[in-house]
Amino acid sequence: MTTRLLGNSGLKVSAVGLGCMGFTQSYPPYPDKKETIRIIRKAVELGYTFFDTAEVYSMYKNEELVGEALEPYRDQVVLATKFGYDLEHVQMDSNNRPVNLSSRPETIRKAIEGSLKRLRTDHIDLYYQHRVDPQVPIEDVAGMLGILIKEGKVLHWGLSEASAATIRRAHQVCCVTAVQSEYSMWYRKPEEELLPVLEELGIGFVPFSPLGKGVLTGAFNKDTQFDHSDFRSSIPRFNPQNLLQNLTLVESICELAEQKETTPARIAIAWLLAQKPWIVPIPGTKKIARLIENAGAVDITFTSDELTDISNHLDHIRIVGERYPEEQEMLTEK
């Protein structure tokens, strides 16, 4: 696995990271604890050094699993986790996902202490605000992260699903290392304002859902149905009518994969890697075969002409349906 730097921060990570949420949340079935630990440790063996979790994933359970799995490798890996919810007074939406944001300094203080304990470490390499809290000025959040950095409990900090204006304000108070937002061949909104600002400020970008919550792997078809316990069953762009139209994009990716003699997943990840040298996608998986497949994306290259052709083609494909249910979409800063 090759490595990349997240912007100008000096934080070096594997070119492809591992998003760990799916081990315990949103995309059943879930592997048991023993199997989860085996998969995460296999990722380390394969060269993954960048692991992403959050305190809110399965109400602390995800962090606990990741912490146990990576404890023997702590000095070899970069741990990223997130704060930003009041989990002591948690409020859930209809999909059993928390909605009560809180980035008050006292909430952040409690969150970092809990995450350090669950992750079995004395510092967090990259600590994100999970969602922007409209009730707390971002300058106050950045100030608190500056304190945690001085204390050595946090080495770098970042934002998730934040607007370009908020990122600018935060960066003026305490330098932001990375921003995490959704970005893929079927969700390209970050190209409009976010990516130019990140490049200007020297901030790294960490796309989550780089495989479009699995759809870009080519694993789904017009007859695919998601169980009600699967988060995708509540996402508008995955409802049967929308998915049928959205598969046009997947067909194009599959055709490109055939031309390049590789897999659709590798095409989707390699395309992200080709956009900027400071982009590090974090696909999630619960299968070792997929870990190997995703890591192989670093070996796929595109010519400038190929990238132009792909971009032009994507511009003419209309993706229908929102990317989140309304309750979750409201938490994303526009």
C-alpha atoms as a PDB file:
ATOM      1  CA  MET A   1       0.000   0.000   0.000  1.00  0.00           C
ATOM      2  CA  THR A   2       1.307   3.421  -0.898  1.00  0.00           C
ATOM      3  CA  THR A   3       0.957   6.365   1.485  1.00  0.00           C
ATOM      4  CA  ARG A   4      -0.332   9.913   1.220  1.00  0.00           C
ATOM      5  CA  LEU A   5      -0.101  13.123   3.209  1.00  0.00           C
ATOM      6  CA  LEU A   6      -3.326  14.735   4.368  1.00  0.00           C
ATOM      7  CA  GLY A   7      -2.774  18.251   3.082  1.00  0.00           C
ATOM      8  CA  ASN A   8       0.089  20.257   4.529  1.00  0.00           C
ATOM      9  CA  SER A   9      -0.221  18.783   8.010  1.00  0.00           C
ATOM     10  CA  GLY A  10       2.457  16.126   7.654  1.00  0.00           C
ATOM     11  CA  LEU A  11       0.011  13.404   8.709  1.00  0.00           C
ATOM     12  CA  LYS A  12       0.957  10.360   6.628  1.00  0.00           C
ATOM     13  CA  VAL A  13      -1.626   7.614   6.088  1.00  0.00           C
ATOM     14  CA  SER A  14      -2.213   4.693   3.756  1.00  0.00           C
ATOM     15  CA  ALA A  15      -3.614   5.862   0.417  1.00  0.00           C
ATOM     16  CA  VAL A  16      -6.808   3.924   1.176  1.00  0.00           C
ATOM     17  CA  GLY A  17      -8.138   3.778   4.729  1.00  0.00           C
ATOM     18  CA  LEU A  18     -10.729   1.566   6.399  1.00  0.00           C
ATOM     19  CA  GLY A  19     -14.075   2.947   7.494  1.00  0.00           C
ATOM     20  CA  CYS A  20     -15.136   0.799  10.457  1.00  0.00           C
ATOM     21  CA  MET A  21     -18.756   1.865  11.000  1.00  0.00           C
ATOM     22  CA  GLY A  22     -20.210  -1.070   9.073  1.00  0.00           C
ATOM     23  CA  PHE A  23     -18.801  -3.613  11.515  1.00  0.00           C
ATOM     24  CA  THR A  24     -21.521  -2.678  14.005  1.00  0.00           C
ATOM     25  CA  GLN A  25     -24.008  -0.310  12.358  1.00  0.00           C
ATOM     26  CA  SER A  26     -26.187   0.418   9.327  1.00  0.00           C
ATOM     27  CA  TYR A  27     -25.225  -2.467   7.030  1.00  0.00           C
ATOM     28  CA  PRO A  28     -26.169  -5.858   8.490  1.00  0.00           C
ATOM     29  CA  PRO A  29     -25.323  -8.661   8.947  1.00  0.00           C
ATOM     30  CA  TYR A  30     -22.481  -7.869  11.299  1.00  0.00           C
ATOM     31  CA  PRO A  31     -19.518 -10.147  12.008  1.00  0.00           C
ATOM     32  CA  ASP A  32     -19.045 -11.260  15.597  1.00  0.00           C
ATOM     33  CA  LYS A  33     -16.349  -9.705  17.761  1.00  0.00           C
ATOM     34  CA  LYS A  34     -13.711 -12.328  16.982  1.00  0.00           C
ATOM     35  CA  GLU A  35     -14.206 -12.018  13.241  1.00  0.00           C
ATOM     36  CA  THR A  36     -14.247  -8.218  13.355  1.00  0.00           C
ATOM     37  CA  ILE A  37     -10.912  -8.155  15.149  1.00  0.00           C
ATOM     38  CA  ARG A  38      -9.478 -10.649  12.672  1.00  0.00           C
ATOM     39  CA  ILE A  39     -10.541  -8.505   9.701  1.00  0.00           C
ATOM     40  CA  ILE A  40      -9.176  -5.268  11.164  1.00  0.00           C
ATOM     41  CA  ARG A  41      -5.862  -6.894  11.979  1.00  0.00           C
ATOM     42  CA  LYS A  42      -5.711  -8.371   8.492  1.00  0.00           C
ATOM     43  CA  ALA A  43      -6.109  -4.839   7.162  1.00  0.00           C
ATOM     44  CA  VAL A  44      -2.955  -3.840   9.047  1.00  0.00           C
ATOM     45  CA  GLU A  45      -1.112  -6.783   7.498  1.00  0.00           C
ATOM     46  CA  LEU A  46      -2.248  -5.592   4.064  1.00  0.00           C
ATOM     47  CA  GLY A  47      -0.789  -2.143   4.638  1.00  0.00           C
ATOM     48  CA  TYR A  48      -3.787  -0.174   5.866  1.00  0.00           C
ATOM     49  CA  THR A  49      -2.659   2.365   8.452  1.00  0.00           C
ATOM     50  CA  PHE A  50      -5.706   4.673   8.574  1.00  0.00           C
ATOM     51  CA  PHE A  51      -8.767   3.561  10.560  1.00  0.00           C
ATOM     52  CA  ASP A  52     -11.957   5.574  11.026  1.00  0.00           C
ATOM     53  CA  THR A  53     -14.559   5.199  13.770  1.00  0.00           C
ATOM     54  CA  ALA A  54     -16.753   7.429  15.992  1.00  0.00           C
ATOM     55  CA  GLU A  55     -18.137   7.402  19.502  1.00  0.00           C
ATOM     56  CA  VAL A  56     -21.675   7.510  18.137  1.00  0.00           C
ATOM     57  CA  TYR A  57     -21.338   4.342  16.050  1.00  0.00           C
ATOM     58  CA  SER A  58     -23.428   1.770  17.899  1.00  0.00           C
ATOM     59  CA  MET A  59     -23.168   3.945  21.006  1.00  0.00           C
ATOM     60  CA  TYR A  60     -19.481   3.364  21.776  1.00  0.00           C
ATOM     61  CA  LYS A  61     -19.352  -0.303  20.679  1.00  0.00           C
ATOM     62  CA  ASN A  62     -17.511   0.433  17.435  1.00  0.00           C
ATOM     63  CA  GLU A  63     -14.713   2.310  19.195  1.00  0.00           C
ATOM     64  CA  GLU A  64     -14.340  -0.512  21.697  1.00  0.00           C
ATOM     65  CA  LEU A  65     -13.897  -3.085  18.934  1.00  0.00           C
ATOM     66  CA  VAL A  66     -11.483  -0.936  16.963  1.00  0.00           C
ATOM     67  CA  GLY A  67      -9.486  -0.180  20.103  1.00  0.00           C
ATOM     68  CA  GLU A  68      -9.126  -3.834  21.004  1.00  0.00           C
ATOM     69  CA  ALA A  69      -8.257  -4.867  17.458  1.00  0.00           C
ATOM     70  CA  LEU A  70      -5.581  -2.221  16.981  1.00  0.00           C
ATOM     71  CA  GLU A  71      -4.045  -2.175  20.451  1.00  0.00           C
ATOM     72  CA  PRO A  72      -1.096  -4.412  19.405  1.00  0.00           C
ATOM     73  CA  TYR A  73      -0.457  -2.134  16.400  1.00  0.00           C
ATOM     74  CA  ARG A  74      -1.086   1.247  18.003  1.00  0.00           C
ATOM     75  CA  ASP A  75       2.270   2.735  17.024  1.00  0.00           C
ATOM     76  CA  GLN A  76       1.813   1.637  13.406  1.00  0.00           C
ATOM     77  CA  VAL A  77      -1.604   3.127  12.704  1.00  0.00           C
ATOM     78  CA  VAL A  78      -3.475   6.420  12.549  1.00  0.00           C
ATOM     79  CA  LEU A  79      -6.706   6.410  14.553  1.00  0.00           C
ATOM     80  CA  ALA A  80      -9.493   8.779  13.570  1.00  0.00           C
ATOM     81  CA  THR A  81     -12.638   9.167  15.620  1.00  0.00           C
ATOM     82  CA  LYS A  82     -15.354  11.783  16.083  1.00  0.00           C
ATOM     83  CA  PHE A  83     -17.256  13.825  18.658  1.00  0.00           C
ATOM     84  CA  GLY A  84     -20.316  16.012  18.316  1.00  0.00           C
ATOM     85  CA  TYR A  85     -23.379  14.411  19.932  1.00  0.00           C
ATOM     86  CA  ASP A  86     -24.825  14.610  23.422  1.00  0.00           C
ATOM     87  CA  LEU A  87     -24.904  10.890  24.073  1.00  0.00           C
ATOM     88  CA  GLU A  88     -25.788  11.274  27.752  1.00  0.00           C
ATOM     89  CA  HIS A  89     -29.185  12.634  26.693  1.00  0.00           C
ATOM     90  CA  VAL A  90     -29.392  10.886  23.360  1.00  0.00           C
ATOM     91  CA  GLN A  91     -32.311  11.439  20.994  1.00  0.00           C
ATOM     92  CA  MET A  92     -32.849   9.018  18.120  1.00  0.00           C
ATOM     93  CA  ASP A  93     -34.552   9.456  14.753  1.00  0.00           C
ATOM     94  CA  SER A  94     -36.824   6.919  13.066  1.00  0.00           C
ATOM     95  CA  ASN A  95     -33.746   4.980  11.875  1.00  0.00           C
ATOM     96  CA  ASN A  96     -32.358   4.743  15.414  1.00  0.00           C
ATOM     97  CA  ARG A  97     -29.605   7.239  14.666  1.00  0.00           C
ATOM     98  CA  PRO A  98     -28.787  10.106  17.086  1.00  0.00           C
ATOM     99  CA  VAL A  99     -29.872  13.603  16.093  1.00  0.00           C
ATOM    100  CA  ASN A 100     -29.092  15.796  19.103  1.00  0.00           C
ATOM    101  CA  LEU A 101     -25.860  17.536  18.210  1.00  0.00           C
ATOM    102  CA  SER A 102     -23.632  19.026  20.875  1.00  0.00           C
ATOM    103  CA  SER A 103     -20.161  20.495  20.533  1.00  0.00           C
ATOM    104  CA  ARG A 104     -20.081  22.459  23.751  1.00  0.00           C
ATOM    105  CA  PRO A 105     -16.593  22.450  25.303  1.00  0.00           C
ATOM    106  CA  GLU A 106     -17.750  20.309  28.219  1.00  0.00           C
ATOM    107  CA  THR A 107     -19.267  17.770  25.821  1.00  0.00           C
ATOM    108  CA  ILE A 108     -16.036  17.598  23.834  1.00  0.00           C
ATOM    109  CA  ARG A 109     -14.057  17.101  27.047  1.00  0.00           C
ATOM    110  CA  LYS A 110     -16.229  14.151  28.065  1.00  0.00           C
ATOM    111  CA  ALA A 111     -16.109  12.742  24.566  1.00  0.00           C
ATOM    112  CA  ILE A 112     -12.312  12.739  24.294  1.00  0.00           C
ATOM    113  CA  GLU A 113     -11.863  11.054  27.651  1.00  0.00           C
ATOM    114  CA  GLY A 114     -14.326   8.332  26.690  1.00  0.00           C
ATOM    115  CA  SER A 115     -12.795   7.767  23.269  1.00  0.00           C
ATOM    116  CA  LEU A 116      -9.279   7.524  24.677  1.00  0.00           C
ATOM    117  CA  LYS A 117     -10.406   4.833  27.091  1.00  0.00           C
ATOM    118  CA  ARG A 118     -12.359   2.818  24.529  1.00  0.00           C
ATOM    119  CA  LEU A 119      -9.605   3.054  21.915  1.00  0.00           C
ATOM    120  CA  ARG A 120      -6.986   2.004  24.486  1.00  0.00           C
ATOM    121  CA  THR A 121      -4.678   4.897  23.749  1.00  0.00           C
ATOM    122  CA  ASP A 122      -3.385   8.133  25.222  1.00  0.00           C
ATOM    123  CA  HIS A 123      -3.969  10.209  22.103  1.00  0.00           C
ATOM    124  CA  ILE A 124      -6.240  10.463  19.063  1.00  0.00           C
ATOM    125  CA  ASP A 125      -4.347  11.021  15.822  1.00  0.00           C
ATOM    126  CA  LEU A 126      -7.239  12.737  14.022  1.00  0.00           C
ATOM    127  CA  TYR A 127     -10.304  13.986  15.899  1.00  0.00           C
ATOM    128  CA  TYR A 128     -13.270  15.155  13.827  1.00  0.00           C
ATOM    129  CA  GLN A 129     -16.322  17.168  14.724  1.00  0.00           C
ATOM    130  CA  HIS A 130     -18.907  14.700  13.427  1.00  0.00           C
ATOM    131  CA  ARG A 131     -21.421  17.321  12.370  1.00  0.00           C
ATOM    132  CA  VAL A 132     -21.397  21.103  12.747  1.00  0.00           C
ATOM    133  CA  ASP A 133     -23.389  22.214  15.784  1.00  0.00           C
ATOM    134  CA  PRO A 134     -25.324  25.370  14.838  1.00  0.00           C
ATOM    135  CA  GLN A 135     -25.672  26.265  18.524  1.00  0.00           C
ATOM    136  CA  VAL A 136     -21.929  26.489  19.165  1.00  0.00           C
ATOM    137  CA  PRO A 137     -19.682  28.895  17.210  1.00  0.00           C
ATOM    138  CA  ILE A 138     -17.082  26.943  15.274  1.00  0.00           C
ATOM    139  CA  GLU A 139     -14.444  29.267  16.757  1.00  0.00           C
ATOM    140  CA  ASP A 140     -15.288  27.870  20.214  1.00  0.00           C
ATOM    141  CA  VAL A 141     -14.973  24.314  18.913  1.00  0.00           C
ATOM    142  CA  ALA A 142     -11.631  25.072  17.270  1.00  0.00           C
ATOM    143  CA  GLY A 143     -10.429  26.729  20.456  1.00  0.00           C
ATOM    144  CA  MET A 144     -11.281  23.652  22.495  1.00  0.00           C
ATOM    145  CA  LEU A 145      -9.478  21.407  20.013  1.00  0.00           C
ATOM    146  CA  GLY A 146      -6.469  23.693  20.289  1.00  0.00           C
ATOM    147  CA  ILE A 147      -6.458  23.038  24.039  1.00  0.00           C
ATOM    148  CA  LEU A 148      -6.656  19.260  23.525  1.00  0.00           C
ATOM    149  CA  ILE A 149      -3.797  19.446  21.022  1.00  0.00           C
ATOM    150  CA  LYS A 150      -1.653  21.345  23.534  1.00  0.00           C
ATOM    151  CA  GLU A 151      -2.471  18.671  26.116  1.00  0.00           C
ATOM    152  CA  GLY A 152      -1.300  15.977  23.689  1.00  0.00           C
ATOM    153  CA  LYS A 153      -4.625  14.153  23.741  1.00  0.00           C
ATOM    154  CA  VAL A 154      -5.273  15.076  20.101  1.00  0.00           C
ATOM    155  CA  LEU A 155      -2.594  15.371  17.412  1.00  0.00           C
ATOM    156  CA  HIS A 156      -4.724  16.673  14.534  1.00  0.00           C
ATOM    157  CA  TRP A 157      -8.324  17.720  14.147  1.00  0.00           C
ATOM    158  CA  GLY A 158     -10.873  17.913  11.401  1.00  0.00           C
ATOM    159  CA  LEU A 159     -14.465  18.545  10.389  1.00  0.00           C
ATOM    160  CA  SER A 160     -17.087  16.332   8.809  1.00  0.00           C
ATOM    161  CA  GLU A 161     -19.819  17.495   6.430  1.00  0.00           C
ATOM    162  CA  ALA A 162     -18.950  21.151   7.024  1.00  0.00           C
ATOM    163  CA  SER A 163     -19.403  24.040   4.605  1.00  0.00           C
ATOM    164  CA  ALA A 164     -16.483  25.849   3.017  1.00  0.00           C
ATOM    165  CA  ALA A 165     -17.238  28.986   5.056  1.00  0.00           C
ATOM    166  CA  THR A 166     -17.188  27.063   8.345  1.00  0.00           C
ATOM    167  CA  ILE A 167     -13.913  25.387   7.434  1.00  0.00           C
ATOM    168  CA  ARG A 168     -12.319  28.767   6.778  1.00  0.00           C
ATOM    169  CA  ARG A 169     -13.448  30.115  10.140  1.00  0.00           C
ATOM    170  CA  ALA A 170     -12.265  27.034  12.019  1.00  0.00           C
ATOM    171  CA  HIS A 171      -8.897  26.983  10.272  1.00  0.00           C
ATOM    172  CA  GLN A 172      -8.171  30.573  11.336  1.00  0.00           C
ATOM    173  CA  VAL A 173      -8.400  29.554  15.005  1.00  0.00           C
ATOM    174  CA  CYS A 174      -6.722  26.130  14.934  1.00  0.00           C
ATOM    175  CA  CYS A 175      -5.312  24.619  11.753  1.00  0.00           C
ATOM    176  CA  VAL A 176      -7.587  21.940  10.332  1.00  0.00           C
ATOM    177  CA  THR A 177      -5.788  18.827   9.075  1.00  0.00           C
ATOM    178  CA  ALA A 178      -8.604  17.068   7.241  1.00  0.00           C
ATOM    179  CA  VAL A 179     -12.236  17.308   6.237  1.00  0.00           C
ATOM    180  CA  GLN A 180     -14.398  14.245   5.872  1.00  0.00           C
ATOM    181  CA  SER A 181     -17.460  14.304   3.625  1.00  0.00           C
ATOM    182  CA  GLU A 182     -19.227  12.049   1.197  1.00  0.00           C
ATOM    183  CA  TYR A 183     -17.644  12.023  -2.252  1.00  0.00           C
ATOM    184  CA  SER A 184     -17.791   9.474  -5.029  1.00  0.00           C
ATOM    185  CA  MET A 185     -18.620   9.047  -8.684  1.00  0.00           C
ATOM    186  CA  TRP A 186     -22.283   9.305  -7.737  1.00  0.00           C
ATOM    187  CA  TYR A 187     -22.013  12.236  -5.313  1.00  0.00           C
ATOM    188  CA  ARG A 188     -19.741  14.982  -6.653  1.00  0.00           C
ATOM    189  CA  LYS A 189     -21.009  18.083  -4.852  1.00  0.00           C
ATOM    190  CA  PRO A 190     -17.676  18.607  -3.013  1.00  0.00           C
ATOM    191  CA  GLU A 191     -16.146  19.580  -6.356  1.00  0.00           C
ATOM    192  CA  GLU A 192     -18.180  22.802  -6.426  1.00  0.00           C
ATOM    193  CA  GLU A 193     -16.834  24.666  -3.371  1.00  0.00           C
ATOM    194  CA  LEU A 194     -15.245  22.274  -0.920  1.00  0.00           C
ATOM    195  CA  LEU A 195     -12.274  20.924  -2.855  1.00  0.00           C
ATOM    196  CA  PRO A 196     -11.041  24.353  -4.039  1.00  0.00           C
ATOM    197  CA  VAL A 197     -11.073  25.673  -0.461  1.00  0.00           C
ATOM    198  CA  LEU A 198      -9.259  22.624   0.878  1.00  0.00           C
ATOM    199  CA  GLU A 199      -6.594  22.971  -1.788  1.00  0.00           C
ATOM    200  CA  GLU A 200      -6.186  26.679  -1.022  1.00  0.00           C
ATOM    201  CA  LEU A 201      -5.806  26.046   2.718  1.00  0.00           C
ATOM    202  CA  GLY A 202      -3.686  22.902   2.458  1.00  0.00           C
ATOM    203  CA  ILE A 203      -6.256  20.647   4.126  1.00  0.00           C
ATOM    204  CA  GLY A 204      -6.583  16.952   3.329  1.00  0.00           C
ATOM    205  CA  PHE A 205      -9.850  15.372   2.203  1.00  0.00           C
ATOM    206  CA  VAL A 206     -11.224  12.028   3.402  1.00  0.00           C
ATOM    207  CA  PRO A 207     -14.201  10.845   1.322  1.00  0.00           C
ATOM    208  CA  PHE A 208     -16.559   8.486   3.096  1.00  0.00           C
ATOM    209  CA  SER A 209     -18.902   6.221   1.118  1.00  0.00           C
ATOM    210  CA  PRO A 210     -16.452   6.247  -1.817  1.00  0.00           C
ATOM    211  CA  LEU A 211     -18.295   3.235  -3.200  1.00  0.00           C
ATOM    212  CA  GLY A 212     -21.699   4.881  -2.893  1.00  0.00           C
ATOM    213  CA  LYS A 213     -22.696   2.699   0.072  1.00  0.00           C
ATOM    214  CA  GLY A 214     -21.847  -0.354  -2.008  1.00  0.00           C
ATOM    215  CA  VAL A 215     -23.691   0.421  -5.208  1.00  0.00           C
ATOM    216  CA  LEU A 216     -20.540   1.264  -7.187  1.00  0.00           C
ATOM    217  CA  THR A 217     -19.168  -2.244  -6.647  1.00  0.00           C
ATOM    218  CA  GLY A 218     -21.719  -3.526  -9.163  1.00  0.00           C
ATOM    219  CA  ALA A 219     -23.234  -5.810  -6.550  1.00  0.00           C
ATOM    220  CA  PHE A 220     -26.790  -4.442  -6.879  1.00  0.00           C
ATOM    221  CA  ASN A 221     -29.332  -4.634  -9.696  1.00  0.00           C
ATOM    222  CA  LYS A 222     -32.883  -3.431 -10.371  1.00  0.00           C
ATOM    223  CA  ASP A 223     -34.302  -6.261  -8.253  1.00  0.00           C
ATOM    224  CA  THR A 224     -32.166  -5.572  -5.188  1.00  0.00           C
ATOM    225  CA  GLN A 225     -34.186  -5.072  -2.029  1.00  0.00           C
ATOM    226  CA  PHE A 226     -32.798  -3.957   1.314  1.00  0.00           C
ATOM    227  CA  ASP A 227     -34.052  -5.296   4.617  1.00  0.00           C
ATOM    228  CA  HIS A 228     -35.636  -2.665   6.872  1.00  0.00           C
ATOM    229  CA  SER A 229     -32.682  -3.039   9.265  1.00  0.00           C
ATOM    230  CA  ASP A 230     -30.332  -1.921   6.474  1.00  0.00           C
ATOM    231  CA  PHE A 231     -29.853   1.866   6.479  1.00  0.00           C
ATOM    232  CA  ARG A 232     -30.056   1.937   2.682  1.00  0.00           C
ATOM    233  CA  SER A 233     -33.715   0.939   2.864  1.00  0.00           C
ATOM    234  CA  SER A 234     -34.474   4.467   4.144  1.00  0.00           C
ATOM    235  CA  ILE A 235     -32.286   6.353   1.657  1.00  0.00           C
ATOM    236  CA  PRO A 236     -34.243   7.913  -1.234  1.00  0.00           C
ATOM    237  CA  ARG A 237     -31.680   7.192  -3.939  1.00  0.00           C
ATOM    238  CA  PHE A 238     -31.888   3.495  -3.073  1.00  0.00           C
ATOM    239  CA  ASN A 239     -35.653   3.160  -3.402  1.00  0.00           C
ATOM    240  CA  PRO A 240     -36.545   0.832  -6.304  1.00  0.00           C
ATOM    241  CA  GLN A 241     -37.609   3.497  -8.777  1.00  0.00           C
ATOM    242  CA  ASN A 242     -34.587   5.727  -8.162  1.00  0.00           C
ATOM    243  CA  LEU A 243     -32.135   2.842  -8.013  1.00  0.00           C
ATOM    244  CA  LEU A 244     -33.310   1.651 -11.411  1.00  0.00           C
ATOM    245  CA  GLN A 245     -32.283   4.964 -12.973  1.00  0.00           C
ATOM    246  CA  ASN A 246     -29.120   5.303 -10.897  1.00  0.00           C
ATOM    247  CA  LEU A 247     -27.823   1.972 -12.141  1.00  0.00           C
ATOM    248  CA  THR A 248     -26.998   3.732 -15.418  1.00  0.00           C
ATOM    249  CA  LEU A 249     -23.916   5.067 -13.682  1.00  0.00           C
ATOM    250  CA  VAL A 250     -22.988   1.633 -12.360  1.00  0.00           C
ATOM    251  CA  GLU A 251     -23.240   0.143 -15.832  1.00  0.00           C
ATOM    252  CA  SER A 252     -20.778   2.747 -17.087  1.00  0.00           C
ATOM    253  CA  ILE A 253     -18.338   1.968 -14.284  1.00  0.00           C
ATOM    254  CA  CYS A 254     -18.604  -1.746 -15.000  1.00  0.00           C
ATOM    255  CA  GLU A 255     -17.835  -1.114 -18.674  1.00  0.00           C
ATOM    256  CA  LEU A 256     -14.781   0.945 -17.725  1.00  0.00           C
ATOM    257  CA  ALA A 257     -13.638  -1.781 -15.330  1.00  0.00           C
ATOM    258  CA  GLU A 258     -13.858  -4.309 -18.121  1.00  0.00           C
ATOM    259  CA  GLN A 259     -11.760  -2.092 -20.379  1.00  0.00           C
ATOM    260  CA  LYS A 260      -9.127  -1.657 -17.654  1.00  0.00           C
ATOM    261  CA  GLU A 261      -9.295  -5.353 -16.717  1.00  0.00           C
ATOM    262  CA  THR A 262     -10.114  -4.615 -13.107  1.00  0.00           C
ATOM    263  CA  THR A 263     -13.177  -4.367 -10.850  1.00  0.00           C
ATOM    264  CA  PRO A 264     -15.800  -1.603 -10.548  1.00  0.00           C
ATOM    265  CA  ALA A 265     -14.807  -0.981  -6.927  1.00  0.00           C
ATOM    266  CA  ARG A 266     -11.195  -0.387  -7.898  1.00  0.00           C
ATOM    267  CA  ILE A 267     -12.282   1.988 -10.656  1.00  0.00           C
ATOM    268  CA  ALA A 268     -14.411   4.014  -8.232  1.00  0.00           C
ATOM    269  CA  ILE A 269     -11.642   4.283  -5.625  1.00  0.00           C
ATOM    270  CA  ALA A 270      -8.886   4.897  -8.168  1.00  0.00           C
ATOM    271  CA  TRP A 271     -10.941   7.703  -9.695  1.00  0.00           C
ATOM    272  CA  LEU A 272     -11.065   9.424  -6.307  1.00  0.00           C
ATOM    273  CA  LEU A 273      -7.331   8.965  -5.801  1.00  0.00           C
ATOM    274  CA  ALA A 274      -6.734  10.529  -9.207  1.00  0.00           C
ATOM    275  CA  GLN A 275      -8.631  13.723  -8.344  1.00  0.00           C
ATOM    276  CA  LYS A 276      -6.066  15.119  -5.882  1.00  0.00           C
ATOM    277  CA  PRO A 277      -2.926  13.725  -4.209  1.00  0.00           C
ATOM    278  CA  TRP A 278      -4.283  14.723  -0.781  1.00  0.00           C
ATOM    279  CA  ILE A 279      -7.512  12.713  -1.072  1.00  0.00           C
ATOM    280  CA  VAL A 280      -7.699   9.513   0.999  1.00  0.00           C
ATOM    281  CA  PRO A 281     -10.930   7.498   0.664  1.00  0.00           C
ATOM    282  CA  ILE A 282     -12.093   5.251   3.501  1.00  0.00           C
ATOM    283  CA  PRO A 283     -14.282   2.468   2.076  1.00  0.00           C
ATOM    284  CA  GLY A 284     -15.821   0.142   4.602  1.00  0.00           C
ATOM    285  CA  THR A 285     -16.030  -3.612   4.281  1.00  0.00           C
ATOM    286  CA  LYS A 286     -16.589  -6.716   6.400  1.00  0.00           C
ATOM    287  CA  LYS A 287     -14.808  -9.076   4.044  1.00  0.00           C
ATOM    288  CA  ILE A 288     -11.087  -9.699   3.667  1.00  0.00           C
ATOM    289  CA  ALA A 289     -11.491 -10.231  -0.085  1.00  0.00           C
ATOM    290  CA  ARG A 290     -12.880  -6.698  -0.343  1.00  0.00           C
ATOM    291  CA  LEU A 291     -10.011  -5.335   1.752  1.00  0.00           C
ATOM    292  CA  ILE A 292      -7.614  -6.790  -0.782  1.00  0.00           C
ATOM    293  CA  GLU A 293      -9.708  -5.517  -3.692  1.00  0.00           C
ATOM    294  CA  ASN A 294      -9.955  -1.986  -2.328  1.00  0.00           C
ATOM    295  CA  ALA A 295      -6.230  -1.807  -1.582  1.00  0.00           C
ATOM    296  CA  GLY A 296      -5.547  -2.775  -5.187  1.00  0.00           C
ATOM    297  CA  ALA A 297      -7.100   0.473  -6.375  1.00  0.00           C
ATOM    298  CA  VAL A 298      -3.766   2.220  -5.780  1.00  0.00           C
ATOM    299  CA  ASP A 299      -2.358   0.310  -8.778  1.00  0.00           C
ATOM    300  CA  ILE A 300      -5.019   1.585 -11.203  1.00  0.00           C
ATOM    301  CA  THR A 301      -4.046   4.684 -13.162  1.00  0.00           C
ATOM    302  CA  PHE A 302      -5.812   6.932 -15.626  1.00  0.00           C
ATOM    303  CA  THR A 303      -4.407   9.146 -18.348  1.00  0.00           C
ATOM    304  CA  SER A 304      -5.454  12.792 -18.374  1.00  0.00           C
ATOM    305  CA  ASP A 305      -7.589  12.065 -21.438  1.00  0.00           C
ATOM    306  CA  GLU A 306      -9.302   9.181 -19.644  1.00  0.00           C
ATOM    307  CA  LEU A 307     -10.059  11.386 -16.643  1.00  0.00           C
ATOM    308  CA  THR A 308     -11.519  14.072 -18.907  1.00  0.00           C
ATOM    309  CA  ASP A 309     -13.690  11.506 -20.688  1.00  0.00           C
ATOM    310  CA  ILE A 310     -14.908  10.074 -17.387  1.00  0.00           C
ATOM    311  CA  SER A 311     -15.732  13.520 -16.021  1.00  0.00           C
ATOM    312  CA  ASN A 312     -17.650  14.451 -19.166  1.00  0.00           C
ATOM    313  CA  HIS A 313     -19.549  11.187 -19.017  1.00  0.00           C
ATOM    314  CA  LEU A 314     -20.435  11.637 -15.335  1.00  0.00           C
ATOM    315  CA  ASP A 315     -21.680  15.148 -16.075  1.00  0.00           C
ATOM    316  CA  HIS A 316     -24.347  13.666 -18.334  1.00  0.00           C
ATOM    317  CA  ILE A 317     -25.624  11.076 -15.861  1.00  0.00           C
ATOM    318  CA  ARG A 318     -28.369  12.299 -13.555  1.00  0.00           C
ATOM    319  CA  ILE A 319     -28.478  10.689 -10.109  1.00  0.00           C
ATOM    320  CA  VAL A 320     -31.951  10.840  -8.575  1.00  0.00           C
ATOM    321  CA  GLY A 321     -32.933  10.791  -4.917  1.00  0.00           C
ATOM    322  CA  GLU A 322     -31.411  12.386  -1.818  1.00  0.00           C
ATOM    323  CA  ARG A 323     -28.395  10.715  -0.233  1.00  0.00           C
ATOM    324  CA  TYR A 324     -29.906  10.697   3.278  1.00  0.00           C
ATOM    325  CA  PRO A 325     -33.359  10.441   4.852  1.00  0.00           C
ATOM    326  CA  GLU A 326     -34.675  13.901   5.688  1.00  0.00           C
ATOM    327  CA  GLU A 327     -33.870  13.653   9.423  1.00  0.00           C
ATOM    328  CA  GLN A 328     -30.191  13.005   8.707  1.00  0.00           C
ATOM    329  CA  GLU A 329     -29.940  15.388   5.784  1.00  0.00           C
ATOM    330  CA  MET A 330     -30.952  18.204   8.133  1.00  0.00           C
ATOM    331  CA  LEU A 331     -27.778  17.584  10.177  1.00  0.00           C
ATOM    332  CA  THR A 332     -25.524  18.246   7.191  1.00  0.00           C
ATOM    333  CA  GLU A 333     -24.300  21.800   6.836  1.00  0.00           C
ATOM    334  CA  LYS A 334     -25.031  23.287   3.427  1.00  0.00           C
END
